Amino acid sequence: QLRGPFNPLECTFKGVSRQTSFRKVGVDKDSVNYVVLEPDYLSKHTRMLVSASMGLRQNSGNITLRDTTLMPNIRGFPALMSLLFAPRFQLRVDSEQRQYVGAICGLGFDGRTLKGYDADYDSEIIFDSDISREDLVKVNVIRYNISTLLASRQSLQEYTEGGLTIKQRKVRRNIIELLDRRRRLINNSKFQPTFKWMKVSDEVQGIDKTELQANANLLPYCQQIPLHQYDWFQDVAKNLEELKGLENGDCVTYVCKLCEVKAYSKPDMMSHVHSDEHRDGVDDFDKNLKIHEQETAKQKYFQSLEDDGIEEDAEVFDIESDSD
């Protein structure tokens, strides 16, 4: 039987749940997504394919997807959708506790056995884009607003028609802002899904337990794990300045923190610095650095408003903007 030719731009898919992660996944031949081409072949972020139904081949054990929809090509989209709409999820951090690297999602777990309530359908997402603490704050706001709208019919009756519309617009606006944020790619290839829930103390989570219980309804607050203070942009910018001294012999480091490349000699590092991959990475870094500086300045501005006691006026302005 003849197989091929294959297009190098053709996308392949894999399952994210425990019971589908080890199986080969394909799309039904009659589906419009039977062959999906990646328009940006240099992109390293993952995309999300949603299927309404699936079948298991008895002979091969492969999975065939039907009624599929290819989600928008947005950095961090699979991670954000999982954090927004999973019934329960638990974050993963790197060994130095500097950044979030993934999350396990599902119905939760038994606190005594640490086993998932429906372990076969637990899914674990490895982040390929930066998810910050500010993102998680916005995720909590969205989850809380959705919960108050869908918790019960009584909660819906508490809103007037105009108030319900404002609430829905606010949720939609927050989701769009979350998706519109420009994100840097991170390399988490060394992290593999374990599908294991962990018990984390309230002190490590940094959460008031009474507050968590008070809001534990349809979509409870996510349990954040505080990160150690670390400015990735400042660290990488300093490293790039050091690498500029390679040709003059002033640089003694052979590590590129931007591309996560380690060389064992000066010629090898110079070869990497002059490569197209590194130059493209530097251009992307400069753009992200400007956005990071703008966001930092904006956060400092709003923090100064809160310190001066202008928080109430800002909230009034926020509500008025929703009703426009």
C-alpha atoms as a PDB file:
ATOM      1  CA  GLN A   1       0.000   0.000   0.000  1.00  0.00           C
ATOM      2  CA  LEU A   2       1.408   3.380  -1.035  1.00  0.00           C
ATOM      3  CA  ARG A   3       1.680   5.976   1.729  1.00  0.00           C
ATOM      4  CA  GLY A   4       2.587   9.593   1.092  1.00  0.00           C
ATOM      5  CA  PRO A   5       3.944  11.904  -0.035  1.00  0.00           C
ATOM      6  CA  PHE A   6       3.626  13.881   3.180  1.00  0.00           C
ATOM      7  CA  ASN A   7       3.708  17.655   3.520  1.00  0.00           C
ATOM      8  CA  PRO A   8       6.192  18.960   6.129  1.00  0.00           C
ATOM      9  CA  LEU A   9       3.629  21.645   7.006  1.00  0.00           C
ATOM     10  CA  GLU A  10       0.989  19.051   7.906  1.00  0.00           C
ATOM     11  CA  CYS A  11      -0.079  19.110  11.557  1.00  0.00           C
ATOM     12  CA  THR A  12      -0.305  16.028  13.737  1.00  0.00           C
ATOM     13  CA  PHE A  13      -2.571  15.696  16.760  1.00  0.00           C
ATOM     14  CA  LYS A  14      -2.344  13.978  20.117  1.00  0.00           C
ATOM     15  CA  GLY A  15      -4.745  13.501  22.997  1.00  0.00           C
ATOM     16  CA  VAL A  16      -4.389  15.402  26.259  1.00  0.00           C
ATOM     17  CA  SER A  17      -6.321  13.067  28.575  1.00  0.00           C
ATOM     18  CA  ARG A  18      -4.790  10.096  30.331  1.00  0.00           C
ATOM     19  CA  GLN A  19      -6.630   7.493  28.252  1.00  0.00           C
ATOM     20  CA  THR A  20      -5.839   9.159  24.890  1.00  0.00           C
ATOM     21  CA  SER A  21      -2.288  10.415  25.499  1.00  0.00           C
ATOM     22  CA  PHE A  22      -0.650   7.138  24.428  1.00  0.00           C
ATOM     23  CA  ARG A  23      -2.830   6.499  21.356  1.00  0.00           C
ATOM     24  CA  LYS A  24      -2.344   7.690  17.806  1.00  0.00           C
ATOM     25  CA  VAL A  25      -4.932  10.305  16.880  1.00  0.00           C
ATOM     26  CA  GLY A  26      -6.305  10.924  13.389  1.00  0.00           C
ATOM     27  CA  VAL A  27      -9.174  12.873  11.850  1.00  0.00           C
ATOM     28  CA  ASP A  28     -11.975  11.253   9.848  1.00  0.00           C
ATOM     29  CA  LYS A  29     -11.317  11.349   6.095  1.00  0.00           C
ATOM     30  CA  ASP A  30     -14.632  13.106   5.423  1.00  0.00           C
ATOM     31  CA  SER A  31     -13.759  15.943   7.810  1.00  0.00           C
ATOM     32  CA  VAL A  32     -12.633  19.349   6.574  1.00  0.00           C
ATOM     33  CA  ASN A  33      -9.775  19.071   9.095  1.00  0.00           C
ATOM     34  CA  TYR A  34      -8.513  15.748   7.741  1.00  0.00           C
ATOM     35  CA  VAL A  35      -5.398  17.589   6.548  1.00  0.00           C
ATOM     36  CA  VAL A  36      -4.396  20.696   8.506  1.00  0.00           C
ATOM     37  CA  LEU A  37      -1.451  22.764   7.299  1.00  0.00           C
ATOM     38  CA  GLU A  38       0.499  25.069   9.591  1.00  0.00           C
ATOM     39  CA  PRO A  39       0.784  28.490   7.887  1.00  0.00           C
ATOM     40  CA  ASP A  40       3.632  29.576  10.164  1.00  0.00           C
ATOM     41  CA  TYR A  41       5.978  26.607   9.947  1.00  0.00           C
ATOM     42  CA  LEU A  42       8.542  28.281  12.234  1.00  0.00           C
ATOM     43  CA  SER A  43       6.018  28.648  15.042  1.00  0.00           C
ATOM     44  CA  LYS A  44       6.639  26.431  18.063  1.00  0.00           C
ATOM     45  CA  HIS A  45       3.354  26.881  19.908  1.00  0.00           C
ATOM     46  CA  THR A  46       0.640  24.243  19.895  1.00  0.00           C
ATOM     47  CA  ARG A  47      -2.876  24.583  18.531  1.00  0.00           C
ATOM     48  CA  MET A  48      -6.153  23.117  19.735  1.00  0.00           C
ATOM     49  CA  LEU A  49      -8.549  20.827  17.863  1.00  0.00           C
ATOM     50  CA  VAL A  50     -11.948  20.137  19.438  1.00  0.00           C
ATOM     51  CA  SER A  51     -13.982  17.060  18.511  1.00  0.00           C
ATOM     52  CA  ALA A  52     -17.660  16.415  19.223  1.00  0.00           C
ATOM     53  CA  SER A  53     -17.333  12.642  18.770  1.00  0.00           C
ATOM     54  CA  MET A  54     -14.590  10.063  18.479  1.00  0.00           C
ATOM     55  CA  GLY A  55     -14.200   6.397  17.661  1.00  0.00           C
ATOM     56  CA  LEU A  56     -11.671   3.724  18.602  1.00  0.00           C
ATOM     57  CA  ARG A  57     -10.420   1.346  15.928  1.00  0.00           C
ATOM     58  CA  GLN A  58     -10.511  -2.218  17.231  1.00  0.00           C
ATOM     59  CA  ASN A  59      -7.570  -3.486  15.203  1.00  0.00           C
ATOM     60  CA  SER A  60      -5.044  -0.699  15.723  1.00  0.00           C
ATOM     61  CA  GLY A  61      -6.400   1.016  18.825  1.00  0.00           C
ATOM     62  CA  ASN A  62      -6.058   4.385  17.078  1.00  0.00           C
ATOM     63  CA  ILE A  63      -8.528   7.188  17.714  1.00  0.00           C
ATOM     64  CA  THR A  64     -10.570   8.750  14.902  1.00  0.00           C
ATOM     65  CA  LEU A  65     -12.043  12.207  15.487  1.00  0.00           C
ATOM     66  CA  ARG A  66     -15.287  13.424  13.912  1.00  0.00           C
ATOM     67  CA  ASP A  67     -17.149  16.738  13.878  1.00  0.00           C
ATOM     68  CA  THR A  68     -13.965  18.666  14.547  1.00  0.00           C
ATOM     69  CA  THR A  69     -13.274  22.382  14.915  1.00  0.00           C
ATOM     70  CA  LEU A  70      -9.805  23.904  14.674  1.00  0.00           C
ATOM     71  CA  MET A  71      -9.503  26.665  17.257  1.00  0.00           C
ATOM     72  CA  PRO A  72      -7.846  30.058  16.581  1.00  0.00           C
ATOM     73  CA  ASN A  73      -4.096  30.218  16.138  1.00  0.00           C
ATOM     74  CA  ILE A  74      -3.334  32.074  19.382  1.00  0.00           C
ATOM     75  CA  ARG A  75      -0.340  31.548  21.631  1.00  0.00           C
ATOM     76  CA  GLY A  76      -1.351  29.879  24.878  1.00  0.00           C
ATOM     77  CA  PHE A  77      -4.901  29.145  23.676  1.00  0.00           C
ATOM     78  CA  PRO A  78      -5.041  25.486  24.864  1.00  0.00           C
ATOM     79  CA  ALA A  79      -3.693  26.457  28.287  1.00  0.00           C
ATOM     80  CA  LEU A  80      -6.056  29.407  28.739  1.00  0.00           C
ATOM     81  CA  MET A  81      -9.148  27.428  27.702  1.00  0.00           C
ATOM     82  CA  SER A  82      -8.223  24.696  30.177  1.00  0.00           C
ATOM     83  CA  LEU A  83      -7.692  27.192  32.999  1.00  0.00           C
ATOM     84  CA  LEU A  84     -10.920  29.041  32.245  1.00  0.00           C
ATOM     85  CA  PHE A  85     -13.365  26.161  31.931  1.00  0.00           C
ATOM     86  CA  ALA A  86     -11.915  23.107  33.714  1.00  0.00           C
ATOM     87  CA  PRO A  87     -13.994  22.095  36.770  1.00  0.00           C
ATOM     88  CA  ARG A  88     -10.785  21.800  38.820  1.00  0.00           C
ATOM     89  CA  PHE A  89      -7.148  22.310  37.959  1.00  0.00           C
ATOM     90  CA  GLN A  90      -3.802  22.358  39.712  1.00  0.00           C
ATOM     91  CA  LEU A  91      -0.804  24.347  38.514  1.00  0.00           C
ATOM     92  CA  ARG A  92       2.699  23.023  37.890  1.00  0.00           C
ATOM     93  CA  VAL A  93       5.863  25.065  38.475  1.00  0.00           C
ATOM     94  CA  ASP A  94       9.478  24.508  37.462  1.00  0.00           C
ATOM     95  CA  SER A  95      12.129  23.256  39.889  1.00  0.00           C
ATOM     96  CA  GLU A  96      13.219  26.806  40.749  1.00  0.00           C
ATOM     97  CA  GLN A  97       9.599  27.939  41.200  1.00  0.00           C
ATOM     98  CA  ARG A  98      10.094  30.827  38.778  1.00  0.00           C
ATOM     99  CA  GLN A  99       7.334  30.160  36.262  1.00  0.00           C
ATOM    100  CA  TYR A 100       4.250  28.040  35.664  1.00  0.00           C
ATOM    101  CA  VAL A 101       4.968  25.165  33.288  1.00  0.00           C
ATOM    102  CA  GLY A 102       1.630  23.356  33.122  1.00  0.00           C
ATOM    103  CA  ALA A 103      -1.594  22.294  34.812  1.00  0.00           C
ATOM    104  CA  ILE A 104      -3.546  19.107  35.441  1.00  0.00           C
ATOM    105  CA  CYS A 105      -7.287  19.488  34.841  1.00  0.00           C
ATOM    106  CA  GLY A 106     -10.230  17.314  35.790  1.00  0.00           C
ATOM    107  CA  LEU A 107     -12.918  16.786  38.413  1.00  0.00           C
ATOM    108  CA  GLY A 108     -10.449  17.043  41.283  1.00  0.00           C
ATOM    109  CA  PHE A 109      -8.948  14.399  43.542  1.00  0.00           C
ATOM    110  CA  ASP A 110      -9.395  12.573  46.829  1.00  0.00           C
ATOM    111  CA  GLY A 111      -7.362  14.345  49.489  1.00  0.00           C
ATOM    112  CA  ARG A 112      -6.478  11.068  51.225  1.00  0.00           C
ATOM    113  CA  THR A 113      -5.471   8.923  48.256  1.00  0.00           C
ATOM    114  CA  LEU A 114      -4.440  11.769  45.891  1.00  0.00           C
ATOM    115  CA  LYS A 115      -6.228   9.909  43.090  1.00  0.00           C
ATOM    116  CA  GLY A 116      -8.447  11.729  40.612  1.00  0.00           C
ATOM    117  CA  TYR A 117     -12.195  11.288  40.878  1.00  0.00           C
ATOM    118  CA  ASP A 118     -12.262  10.391  37.166  1.00  0.00           C
ATOM    119  CA  ALA A 119      -8.598   9.726  36.503  1.00  0.00           C
ATOM    120  CA  ASP A 120      -8.989   8.384  32.955  1.00  0.00           C
ATOM    121  CA  TYR A 121     -10.381  11.717  31.810  1.00  0.00           C
ATOM    122  CA  ASP A 122      -7.879  13.914  33.644  1.00  0.00           C
ATOM    123  CA  SER A 123      -5.896  16.018  31.184  1.00  0.00           C
ATOM    124  CA  GLU A 124      -2.515  17.632  31.675  1.00  0.00           C
ATOM    125  CA  ILE A 125      -1.482  20.668  29.643  1.00  0.00           C
ATOM    126  CA  ILE A 126       2.171  21.644  29.240  1.00  0.00           C
ATOM    127  CA  PHE A 127       2.431  25.407  28.746  1.00  0.00           C
ATOM    128  CA  ASP A 128       4.336  26.506  25.653  1.00  0.00           C
ATOM    129  CA  SER A 129       3.672  30.206  26.315  1.00  0.00           C
ATOM    130  CA  ASP A 130       4.150  32.367  29.369  1.00  0.00           C
ATOM    131  CA  ILE A 131       1.266  32.314  31.868  1.00  0.00           C
ATOM    132  CA  SER A 132       1.776  35.024  34.485  1.00  0.00           C
ATOM    133  CA  ARG A 133       0.268  35.699  37.889  1.00  0.00           C
ATOM    134  CA  GLU A 134      -1.688  38.578  36.334  1.00  0.00           C
ATOM    135  CA  ASP A 135      -3.230  36.090  33.896  1.00  0.00           C
ATOM    136  CA  LEU A 136      -4.337  33.879  36.775  1.00  0.00           C
ATOM    137  CA  VAL A 137      -5.931  36.844  38.539  1.00  0.00           C
ATOM    138  CA  LYS A 138      -7.972  37.546  35.407  1.00  0.00           C
ATOM    139  CA  VAL A 139      -8.785  33.826  35.092  1.00  0.00           C
ATOM    140  CA  ASN A 140     -10.153  33.907  38.643  1.00  0.00           C
ATOM    141  CA  VAL A 141     -12.315  36.937  37.849  1.00  0.00           C
ATOM    142  CA  ILE A 142     -13.756  35.253  34.760  1.00  0.00           C
ATOM    143  CA  ARG A 143     -14.408  31.951  36.553  1.00  0.00           C
ATOM    144  CA  TYR A 144     -16.119  33.775  39.415  1.00  0.00           C
ATOM    145  CA  ASN A 145     -18.359  35.793  37.093  1.00  0.00           C
ATOM    146  CA  ILE A 146     -19.330  32.706  35.093  1.00  0.00           C
ATOM    147  CA  SER A 147     -20.085  30.843  38.324  1.00  0.00           C
ATOM    148  CA  THR A 148     -22.368  33.579  39.628  1.00  0.00           C
ATOM    149  CA  LEU A 149     -24.273  33.589  36.340  1.00  0.00           C
ATOM    150  CA  LEU A 150     -24.696  29.820  36.026  1.00  0.00           C
ATOM    151  CA  ALA A 151     -24.807  28.661  39.645  1.00  0.00           C
ATOM    152  CA  SER A 152     -28.609  28.651  40.003  1.00  0.00           C
ATOM    153  CA  ARG A 153     -31.806  30.156  38.623  1.00  0.00           C
ATOM    154  CA  GLN A 154     -32.111  32.206  41.797  1.00  0.00           C
ATOM    155  CA  SER A 155     -28.774  33.882  41.150  1.00  0.00           C
ATOM    156  CA  LEU A 156     -29.936  34.838  37.647  1.00  0.00           C
ATOM    157  CA  GLN A 157     -33.149  36.344  39.013  1.00  0.00           C
ATOM    158  CA  GLU A 158     -31.099  38.681  41.192  1.00  0.00           C
ATOM    159  CA  TYR A 159     -29.930  40.488  38.055  1.00  0.00           C
ATOM    160  CA  THR A 160     -32.072  42.852  36.065  1.00  0.00           C
ATOM    161  CA  GLU A 161     -31.981  42.521  32.294  1.00  0.00           C
ATOM    162  CA  GLY A 162     -29.519  45.404  32.057  1.00  0.00           C
ATOM    163  CA  GLY A 163     -27.356  44.075  34.882  1.00  0.00           C
ATOM    164  CA  LEU A 164     -27.165  40.631  33.290  1.00  0.00           C
ATOM    165  CA  THR A 165     -26.062  42.160  29.991  1.00  0.00           C
ATOM    166  CA  ILE A 166     -23.341  44.155  31.726  1.00  0.00           C
ATOM    167  CA  LYS A 167     -22.106  41.004  33.463  1.00  0.00           C
ATOM    168  CA  GLN A 168     -21.977  39.069  30.193  1.00  0.00           C
ATOM    169  CA  ARG A 169     -20.143  41.903  28.437  1.00  0.00           C
ATOM    170  CA  LYS A 170     -17.625  42.053  31.247  1.00  0.00           C
ATOM    171  CA  VAL A 171     -16.897  38.318  30.979  1.00  0.00           C
ATOM    172  CA  ARG A 172     -16.527  38.570  27.205  1.00  0.00           C
ATOM    173  CA  ARG A 173     -14.246  41.604  27.468  1.00  0.00           C
ATOM    174  CA  ASN A 174     -12.011  39.921  30.050  1.00  0.00           C
ATOM    175  CA  ILE A 175     -11.681  36.784  27.900  1.00  0.00           C
ATOM    176  CA  ILE A 176     -10.754  38.850  24.839  1.00  0.00           C
ATOM    177  CA  GLU A 177      -8.171  40.811  26.840  1.00  0.00           C
ATOM    178  CA  LEU A 178      -6.700  37.549  28.085  1.00  0.00           C
ATOM    179  CA  LEU A 179      -6.406  36.141  24.564  1.00  0.00           C
ATOM    180  CA  ASP A 180      -5.113  39.389  23.039  1.00  0.00           C
ATOM    181  CA  ARG A 181      -2.119  39.615  25.334  1.00  0.00           C
ATOM    182  CA  ARG A 182       1.152  39.047  23.476  1.00  0.00           C
ATOM    183  CA  ARG A 183       2.986  36.087  25.032  1.00  0.00           C
ATOM    184  CA  ARG A 184       6.539  34.895  24.780  1.00  0.00           C
ATOM    185  CA  LEU A 185       7.195  31.255  23.993  1.00  0.00           C
ATOM    186  CA  ILE A 186       8.823  29.107  26.663  1.00  0.00           C
ATOM    187  CA  ASN A 187      10.631  25.827  26.203  1.00  0.00           C
ATOM    188  CA  ASN A 188       9.106  23.181  28.465  1.00  0.00           C
ATOM    189  CA  SER A 189      10.069  20.157  26.387  1.00  0.00           C
ATOM    190  CA  LYS A 190      11.761  18.531  29.398  1.00  0.00           C
ATOM    191  CA  PHE A 191       8.472  18.485  31.326  1.00  0.00           C
ATOM    192  CA  GLN A 192       6.248  15.485  30.646  1.00  0.00           C
ATOM    193  CA  PRO A 193       2.664  14.869  31.819  1.00  0.00           C
ATOM    194  CA  THR A 194       2.450  12.723  34.958  1.00  0.00           C
ATOM    195  CA  PHE A 195      -1.340  12.929  35.510  1.00  0.00           C
ATOM    196  CA  LYS A 196      -0.736  13.061  39.260  1.00  0.00           C
ATOM    197  CA  TRP A 197      -2.520  15.379  41.646  1.00  0.00           C
ATOM    198  CA  MET A 198      -0.533  16.784  44.550  1.00  0.00           C
ATOM    199  CA  LYS A 199      -1.575  18.044  47.943  1.00  0.00           C
ATOM    200  CA  VAL A 200      -0.290  21.573  48.456  1.00  0.00           C
ATOM    201  CA  SER A 201      -0.610  23.313  51.804  1.00  0.00           C
ATOM    202  CA  ASP A 202      -2.635  26.525  52.084  1.00  0.00           C
ATOM    203  CA  GLU A 203       0.515  28.405  53.116  1.00  0.00           C
ATOM    204  CA  VAL A 204       2.247  27.455  49.858  1.00  0.00           C
ATOM    205  CA  GLN A 205      -0.854  28.219  47.814  1.00  0.00           C
ATOM    206  CA  GLY A 206      -1.099  31.652  49.376  1.00  0.00           C
ATOM    207  CA  ILE A 207      -4.898  31.389  49.699  1.00  0.00           C
ATOM    208  CA  ASP A 208      -7.286  32.197  52.494  1.00  0.00           C
ATOM    209  CA  LYS A 209      -9.121  28.917  53.041  1.00  0.00           C
ATOM    210  CA  THR A 210     -12.332  30.609  54.187  1.00  0.00           C
ATOM    211  CA  GLU A 211     -12.389  32.696  51.015  1.00  0.00           C
ATOM    212  CA  LEU A 212     -11.804  29.613  48.899  1.00  0.00           C
ATOM    213  CA  GLN A 213     -14.688  27.751  50.529  1.00  0.00           C
ATOM    214  CA  ALA A 214     -16.971  30.763  50.176  1.00  0.00           C
ATOM    215  CA  ASN A 215     -16.412  30.837  46.424  1.00  0.00           C
ATOM    216  CA  ALA A 216     -16.282  27.058  45.814  1.00  0.00           C
ATOM    217  CA  ASN A 217     -19.307  26.798  43.538  1.00  0.00           C
ATOM    218  CA  LEU A 218     -19.451  25.920  39.849  1.00  0.00           C
ATOM    219  CA  LEU A 219     -15.947  27.095  38.891  1.00  0.00           C
ATOM    220  CA  PRO A 220     -13.918  27.611  42.076  1.00  0.00           C
ATOM    221  CA  TYR A 221     -10.938  29.904  42.344  1.00  0.00           C
ATOM    222  CA  CYS A 222      -7.686  28.481  41.021  1.00  0.00           C
ATOM    223  CA  GLN A 223      -5.149  27.603  43.687  1.00  0.00           C
ATOM    224  CA  GLN A 224      -2.084  29.659  42.836  1.00  0.00           C
ATOM    225  CA  ILE A 225       1.417  28.690  43.879  1.00  0.00           C
ATOM    226  CA  PRO A 226       3.468  31.841  44.572  1.00  0.00           C
ATOM    227  CA  LEU A 227       6.497  32.258  42.338  1.00  0.00           C
ATOM    228  CA  HIS A 228       9.892  33.446  43.450  1.00  0.00           C
ATOM    229  CA  GLN A 229      10.655  37.006  42.414  1.00  0.00           C
ATOM    230  CA  TYR A 230      12.331  36.759  39.024  1.00  0.00           C
ATOM    231  CA  ASP A 231      12.425  39.163  36.066  1.00  0.00           C
ATOM    232  CA  TRP A 232      13.030  36.983  33.015  1.00  0.00           C
ATOM    233  CA  PHE A 233      13.301  39.951  30.667  1.00  0.00           C
ATOM    234  CA  GLN A 234      15.950  41.656  32.782  1.00  0.00           C
ATOM    235  CA  ASP A 235      17.969  38.442  33.099  1.00  0.00           C
ATOM    236  CA  VAL A 236      17.876  37.707  29.349  1.00  0.00           C
ATOM    237  CA  ALA A 237      18.656  41.323  28.413  1.00  0.00           C
ATOM    238  CA  LYS A 238      21.760  41.210  30.624  1.00  0.00           C
ATOM    239  CA  ASN A 239      22.817  37.903  29.050  1.00  0.00           C
ATOM    240  CA  LEU A 240      22.410  39.301  25.507  1.00  0.00           C
ATOM    241  CA  GLU A 241      24.591  42.278  26.413  1.00  0.00           C
ATOM    242  CA  GLU A 242      27.278  39.884  27.640  1.00  0.00           C
ATOM    243  CA  LEU A 243      27.124  37.890  24.396  1.00  0.00           C
ATOM    244  CA  LYS A 244      27.845  41.060  22.409  1.00  0.00           C
ATOM    245  CA  GLY A 245      31.381  40.946  23.821  1.00  0.00           C
ATOM    246  CA  LEU A 246      32.186  37.587  22.222  1.00  0.00           C
ATOM    247  CA  GLU A 247      34.095  39.024  19.284  1.00  0.00           C
ATOM    248  CA  ASN A 248      36.169  41.287  21.536  1.00  0.00           C
ATOM    249  CA  GLY A 249      36.986  38.442  23.882  1.00  0.00           C
ATOM    250  CA  ASP A 250      35.234  40.181  26.783  1.00  0.00           C
ATOM    251  CA  CYS A 251      32.567  37.486  27.164  1.00  0.00           C
ATOM    252  CA  VAL A 252      33.315  34.418  29.253  1.00  0.00           C
ATOM    253  CA  THR A 253      29.840  32.867  29.196  1.00  0.00           C
ATOM    254  CA  TYR A 254      28.805  30.301  26.616  1.00  0.00           C
ATOM    255  CA  VAL A 255      25.118  30.205  27.513  1.00  0.00           C
ATOM    256  CA  CYS A 256      22.317  31.884  25.572  1.00  0.00           C
ATOM    257  CA  LYS A 257      19.401  32.220  27.985  1.00  0.00           C
ATOM    258  CA  LEU A 258      17.084  33.459  25.251  1.00  0.00           C
ATOM    259  CA  CYS A 259      17.374  30.340  23.077  1.00  0.00           C
ATOM    260  CA  GLU A 260      18.355  28.066  26.002  1.00  0.00           C
ATOM    261  CA  VAL A 261      21.519  26.991  24.190  1.00  0.00           C
ATOM    262  CA  LYS A 262      24.735  26.003  25.954  1.00  0.00           C
ATOM    263  CA  ALA A 263      28.014  25.869  24.008  1.00  0.00           C
ATOM    264  CA  TYR A 264      31.343  24.420  25.079  1.00  0.00           C
ATOM    265  CA  SER A 265      33.616  26.733  23.105  1.00  0.00           C
ATOM    266  CA  LYS A 266      33.746  30.304  21.850  1.00  0.00           C
ATOM    267  CA  PRO A 267      33.414  29.374  18.131  1.00  0.00           C
ATOM    268  CA  ASP A 268      30.301  27.305  18.841  1.00  0.00           C
ATOM    269  CA  MET A 269      28.666  30.165  20.723  1.00  0.00           C
ATOM    270  CA  MET A 270      29.598  32.685  18.017  1.00  0.00           C
ATOM    271  CA  SER A 271      28.072  30.381  15.426  1.00  0.00           C
ATOM    272  CA  HIS A 272      24.845  30.331  17.417  1.00  0.00           C
ATOM    273  CA  VAL A 273      24.811  34.114  17.953  1.00  0.00           C
ATOM    274  CA  HIS A 274      25.097  34.707  14.191  1.00  0.00           C
ATOM    275  CA  SER A 275      22.447  32.106  13.312  1.00  0.00           C
ATOM    276  CA  ASP A 276      19.055  33.094  11.902  1.00  0.00           C
ATOM    277  CA  GLU A 277      17.305  31.372  14.805  1.00  0.00           C
ATOM    278  CA  HIS A 278      19.075  33.571  17.368  1.00  0.00           C
ATOM    279  CA  ARG A 279      18.583  36.779  15.390  1.00  0.00           C
ATOM    280  CA  ASP A 280      14.879  36.100  14.931  1.00  0.00           C
ATOM    281  CA  GLY A 281      14.656  35.359  18.642  1.00  0.00           C
ATOM    282  CA  VAL A 282      16.336  38.668  19.503  1.00  0.00           C
ATOM    283  CA  ASP A 283      13.916  40.583  17.265  1.00  0.00           C
ATOM    284  CA  ASP A 284      10.966  38.878  18.939  1.00  0.00           C
ATOM    285  CA  PHE A 285      12.493  39.524  22.363  1.00  0.00           C
ATOM    286  CA  ASP A 286      12.873  43.256  21.666  1.00  0.00           C
ATOM    287  CA  LYS A 287       9.190  43.493  20.730  1.00  0.00           C
ATOM    288  CA  ASN A 288       8.111  41.578  23.832  1.00  0.00           C
ATOM    289  CA  LEU A 289      10.417  43.688  26.003  1.00  0.00           C
ATOM    290  CA  LYS A 290       8.683  46.886  24.911  1.00  0.00           C
ATOM    291  CA  ILE A 291       5.280  45.365  25.655  1.00  0.00           C
ATOM    292  CA  HIS A 292       6.551  44.142  29.038  1.00  0.00           C
ATOM    293  CA  GLU A 293       7.798  47.625  29.921  1.00  0.00           C
ATOM    294  CA  GLN A 294       4.457  49.146  28.930  1.00  0.00           C
ATOM    295  CA  GLU A 295       2.515  46.618  31.030  1.00  0.00           C
ATOM    296  CA  THR A 296       4.841  47.185  33.989  1.00  0.00           C
ATOM    297  CA  ALA A 297       4.357  50.946  33.747  1.00  0.00           C
ATOM    298  CA  LYS A 298       0.582  50.468  33.533  1.00  0.00           C
ATOM    299  CA  GLN A 299       0.570  48.242  36.629  1.00  0.00           C
ATOM    300  CA  LYS A 300       2.611  50.804  38.568  1.00  0.00           C
ATOM    301  CA  TYR A 301       0.176  53.512  37.508  1.00  0.00           C
ATOM    302  CA  PHE A 302      -2.904  51.622  38.707  1.00  0.00           C
ATOM    303  CA  GLN A 303      -1.071  50.649  41.890  1.00  0.00           C
ATOM    304  CA  SER A 304      -0.395  54.325  42.564  1.00  0.00           C
ATOM    305  CA  LEU A 305      -4.103  55.055  42.066  1.00  0.00           C
ATOM    306  CA  GLU A 306      -5.013  52.401  44.632  1.00  0.00           C
ATOM    307  CA  ASP A 307      -2.442  53.774  47.070  1.00  0.00           C
ATOM    308  CA  ASP A 308      -3.978  57.248  46.669  1.00  0.00           C
ATOM    309  CA  GLY A 309      -7.479  55.911  47.324  1.00  0.00           C
ATOM    310  CA  ILE A 310      -8.878  56.298  43.781  1.00  0.00           C
ATOM    311  CA  GLU A 311      -9.929  52.660  43.512  1.00  0.00           C
ATOM    312  CA  GLU A 312     -13.667  53.423  43.810  1.00  0.00           C
ATOM    313  CA  ASP A 313     -13.601  55.955  40.976  1.00  0.00           C
ATOM    314  CA  ALA A 314     -11.816  53.437  38.761  1.00  0.00           C
ATOM    315  CA  GLU A 315     -14.532  50.872  39.488  1.00  0.00           C
ATOM    316  CA  VAL A 316     -17.287  53.372  38.585  1.00  0.00           C
ATOM    317  CA  PHE A 317     -15.532  54.125  35.305  1.00  0.00           C
ATOM    318  CA  ASP A 318     -15.233  50.397  34.602  1.00  0.00           C
ATOM    319  CA  ILE A 319     -18.972  49.802  35.055  1.00  0.00           C
ATOM    320  CA  GLU A 320     -19.919  52.814  32.954  1.00  0.00           C
ATOM    321  CA  SER A 321     -17.734  51.616  30.104  1.00  0.00           C
ATOM    322  CA  ASP A 322     -19.602  48.286  30.096  1.00  0.00           C
ATOM    323  CA  SER A 323     -22.951  49.981  29.539  1.00  0.00           C
ATOM    324  CA  ASP A 324     -21.803  51.888  26.442  1.00  0.00           C
END
